[in-house]
Amino acid sequence: MDYFLTKEDFYSQYPVTRFDNLIDSNDTFWQKALRSSIELVTGYLSTRWDTDFMFSPLLTFVLADAHLLNDRIFDNDIHYTCIQDAPINTPLADTDFFIVKDNRNPRIVEILVDIVLYNLSPRLNNADISEIIKERYDGNDPKQTGGAIGWLKMCVREKLSISSPLRAEGQTDQTGNAIIAINIVDAPDNKFTF
């Protein structure tokens, strides 16, 4: 199965042995937390950005597969981006179809790693590490004005922007439901204010 993040994304923010101990070398734990974390981030960002594109997975390269424009491929620890539709049996070395490039937004990768680690943190016994993860998640603030959640709220309030394609008018989510934009900041009675 293909995912948006790799273990290497976690290793860049968290020591290798600690992450492996956190997941007990069982990919099921972090992959479940990843799916939940993507849902959380999508809930914040889907009214403005194309989150289907944003979170399109890293594919495992198979020579016998055709690839589409912007497909993300991860092979032998290298990121590739498909720059035009590639027919079956097109090797990654064919620069007419693939370039060595990670087309994921690096800030989204970092935010998602922080949220996944927070979702996994109940598995930790070390309080110091848990505090660092909590701070990166929400700034250790009851109003969640810092960390990854604070950053997402700033995006929703249009105080920050993301280098990622915007949601197209009339776009639907993965289940075919129309995406309806709500201006959360101006909601009546602040019912939806974060």
Protein backbone atom coordinates (compact mmCIF):
# COMPACT_ATOMS: atom_id res chain seq x y z
CA MET A 1 0.00 0.00 0.00
CA ASP A 2 1.27 3.53 -0.82
CA TYR A 3 1.35 6.38 1.71
CA PHE A 4 2.02 10.13 1.73
CA LEU A 5 4.86 9.88 4.26
CA THR A 6 7.83 7.54 4.55
CA LYS A 7 9.73 6.52 7.66
CA GLU A 8 12.54 8.77 6.44
CA ASP A 9 10.22 11.77 6.89
CA PHE A 10 9.95 10.87 10.58
CA TYR A 11 13.66 10.25 10.94
CA SER A 12 14.38 13.80 9.79
CA GLN A 13 12.45 15.15 12.81
CA TYR A 14 12.80 12.38 15.35
CA PRO A 15 15.71 10.04 16.20
CA VAL A 16 15.59 6.77 14.27
CA THR A 17 15.75 4.45 17.26
CA ARG A 18 13.12 6.39 19.18
CA PHE A 19 10.71 6.36 16.26
CA ASP A 20 11.27 2.64 15.69
CA ASN A 21 10.71 2.03 19.41
CA LEU A 22 7.59 4.17 19.30
CA ILE A 23 6.04 2.05 16.57
CA ASP A 24 7.64 -1.20 17.81
CA SER A 25 8.83 -1.65 14.20
CA ASN A 26 5.19 -2.28 13.25
CA ASP A 27 4.14 -0.06 10.35
CA THR A 28 0.46 -0.52 11.20
CA PHE A 29 0.67 1.92 14.13
CA TRP A 30 2.11 4.87 12.26
CA GLN A 31 0.08 4.22 9.10
CA LYS A 32 -3.17 4.28 11.10
CA ALA A 33 -2.05 7.49 12.81
CA LEU A 34 -1.11 8.90 9.39
CA ARG A 35 -4.59 8.29 7.95
CA SER A 36 -6.19 9.95 10.98
CA SER A 37 -3.77 12.89 10.80
CA ILE A 38 -4.44 13.44 7.08
CA GLU A 39 -8.16 13.59 7.89
CA LEU A 40 -7.48 16.23 10.54
CA VAL A 41 -5.34 18.39 8.23
CA THR A 42 -7.83 17.93 5.37
CA GLY A 43 -10.58 19.20 7.68
CA TYR A 44 -8.67 22.43 8.12
CA LEU A 45 -7.41 22.95 4.57
CA SER A 46 -9.93 21.41 2.15
CA THR A 47 -12.10 24.52 1.84
CA ARG A 48 -9.22 26.42 0.16
CA TRP A 49 -6.70 23.88 -1.13
CA ASP A 50 -6.90 20.77 -3.26
CA THR A 51 -6.15 18.28 -0.49
CA ASP A 52 -6.63 15.31 -2.82
CA PHE A 53 -3.57 16.55 -4.72
CA MET A 54 -1.81 17.71 -1.55
CA PHE A 55 -2.00 14.23 -0.02
CA SER A 56 -1.68 12.10 -3.13
CA PRO A 57 0.49 9.17 -2.07
CA LEU A 58 4.04 8.27 -2.88
CA LEU A 59 3.73 5.36 -5.28
CA THR A 60 5.99 2.36 -5.38
CA PHE A 61 7.55 2.21 -8.82
CA VAL A 62 6.56 -0.75 -10.99
CA LEU A 63 7.92 -0.73 -14.53
CA ALA A 64 4.77 -2.43 -15.85
CA ASP A 65 2.57 0.45 -14.56
CA ALA A 66 1.63 3.58 -16.47
CA HIS A 67 2.04 6.84 -14.56
CA LEU A 68 0.14 10.11 -14.74
CA LEU A 69 1.30 13.71 -14.66
CA ASN A 70 2.33 14.73 -11.09
CA ASP A 71 2.43 11.16 -9.79
CA ARG A 72 4.77 10.97 -6.81
CA ILE A 73 7.09 7.99 -6.87
CA PHE A 74 9.45 6.82 -4.15
CA ASP A 75 12.05 4.30 -5.25
CA ASN A 76 15.29 3.30 -3.52
CA ASP A 77 15.01 6.30 -1.13
CA ILE A 78 14.71 8.75 -4.06
CA HIS A 79 11.67 10.92 -4.82
CA TYR A 80 10.53 11.30 -8.42
CA THR A 81 7.78 13.34 -10.03
CA CYS A 82 6.10 12.32 -13.26
CA ILE A 83 6.22 15.38 -15.57
CA GLN A 84 3.95 13.97 -18.27
CA ASP A 85 1.81 10.86 -18.63
CA ALA A 86 4.21 7.91 -18.90
CA PRO A 87 3.20 4.71 -20.71
CA ILE A 88 3.90 1.29 -19.25
CA ASN A 89 7.51 0.13 -19.28
CA THR A 90 8.87 3.68 -18.99
CA PRO A 91 11.92 3.60 -16.72
CA LEU A 92 12.46 6.24 -14.02
CA ALA A 93 15.70 7.19 -15.78
CA ASP A 94 13.70 8.53 -18.77
CA THR A 95 13.92 12.28 -18.15
CA ASP A 96 11.20 12.96 -20.70
CA PHE A 97 8.74 11.53 -18.16
CA PHE A 98 10.34 11.64 -14.70
CA ILE A 99 12.50 14.06 -12.74
CA VAL A 100 14.19 13.59 -9.41
CA LYS A 101 12.02 15.83 -7.27
CA ASP A 102 9.86 15.57 -4.17
CA ASN A 103 6.75 17.54 -5.15
CA ARG A 104 5.20 17.31 -1.69
CA ASN A 105 4.96 20.60 0.19
CA PRO A 106 7.79 20.41 2.78
CA ARG A 107 5.85 22.37 5.42
CA ILE A 108 2.85 20.04 5.06
CA VAL A 109 5.19 17.05 5.46
CA GLU A 110 6.63 18.59 8.63
CA ILE A 111 3.19 19.48 10.06
CA LEU A 112 1.87 16.01 9.29
CA VAL A 113 4.85 14.32 10.96
CA ASP A 114 4.22 16.42 14.10
CA ILE A 115 0.55 15.44 14.16
CA VAL A 116 1.26 11.75 13.55
CA LEU A 117 3.84 11.72 16.35
CA TYR A 118 1.33 13.40 18.66
CA ASN A 119 -1.23 10.71 17.79
CA LEU A 120 1.38 8.05 18.57
CA SER A 121 2.66 9.74 21.77
CA PRO A 122 0.40 7.82 24.19
CA ARG A 123 2.67 4.86 23.39
CA LEU A 124 5.61 6.73 24.96
CA ASN A 125 6.79 6.32 28.55
CA ASN A 126 9.23 9.24 28.43
CA ALA A 127 7.49 12.44 29.64
CA ASP A 128 10.23 14.75 28.27
CA ILE A 129 9.79 13.44 24.73
CA SER A 130 6.01 13.63 25.08
CA GLU A 131 6.26 17.33 26.06
CA ILE A 132 8.35 18.10 22.96
CA ILE A 133 5.83 16.30 20.75
CA LYS A 134 2.93 18.12 22.45
CA GLU A 135 4.64 21.48 21.96
CA ARG A 136 5.20 20.76 18.26
CA TYR A 137 1.54 19.69 18.01
CA ASP A 138 -0.23 22.64 19.64
CA GLY A 139 2.36 24.86 21.32
CA ASN A 140 1.42 23.36 24.69
CA ASP A 141 -1.26 26.03 24.81
CA PRO A 142 -4.88 25.31 25.87
CA LYS A 143 -6.07 27.51 22.98
CA GLN A 144 -3.80 25.62 20.58
CA THR A 145 -2.33 28.79 19.09
CA GLY A 146 1.10 27.29 18.43
CA GLY A 147 2.65 24.26 16.82
CA ALA A 148 1.08 22.38 13.93
CA ILE A 149 -2.52 23.10 14.98
CA GLY A 150 -1.83 26.82 15.40
CA TRP A 151 -0.25 26.87 11.94
CA LEU A 152 -3.31 25.17 10.42
CA LYS A 153 -5.62 27.67 12.14
CA MET A 154 -3.57 30.54 10.70
CA CYS A 155 -4.04 29.02 7.23
CA VAL A 156 -7.81 28.74 7.77
CA ARG A 157 -7.93 32.39 8.90
CA GLU A 158 -5.96 33.30 5.75
CA LYS A 159 -3.06 34.68 7.79
CA LEU A 160 -0.77 32.16 6.06
CA SER A 161 -0.84 30.54 2.67
CA ILE A 162 0.48 27.29 1.28
CA SER A 163 2.32 26.63 -1.97
CA SER A 164 -0.18 24.08 -3.19
CA PRO A 165 -2.96 24.05 -5.80
CA LEU A 166 -6.17 25.72 -4.69
CA ARG A 167 -9.45 23.84 -4.64
CA ALA A 168 -11.32 24.18 -7.93
CA GLU A 169 -14.88 25.53 -7.94
CA GLY A 170 -17.36 22.69 -7.77
CA GLN A 171 -14.69 20.24 -6.62
CA THR A 172 -15.85 17.19 -4.72
CA ASP A 173 -14.09 15.15 -2.07
CA GLN A 174 -12.92 11.57 -2.56
CA THR A 175 -16.43 10.27 -1.82
CA GLY A 176 -18.03 12.52 -4.46
CA ASN A 177 -19.60 14.98 -2.00
CA ALA A 178 -19.42 18.67 -2.88
CA ILE A 179 -16.93 20.61 -0.79
CA ILE A 180 -18.63 23.60 0.78
CA ALA A 181 -16.49 26.51 1.92
CA ILE A 182 -17.36 28.06 5.28
CA ASN A 183 -15.65 31.19 6.50
CA ILE A 184 -15.00 29.97 10.02
CA VAL A 185 -13.67 33.26 11.35
CA ASP A 186 -16.87 35.14 10.44
CA ALA A 187 -19.30 32.45 11.61
CA PRO A 188 -22.34 33.83 13.50
CA ASP A 189 -21.89 33.87 17.28
CA ASN A 190 -18.35 32.56 16.71
CA LYS A 191 -19.75 29.04 16.87
CA PHE A 192 -17.02 27.79 14.60
CA THR A 193 -14.16 29.98 15.82
CA PHE A 194 -11.10 28.04 16.87
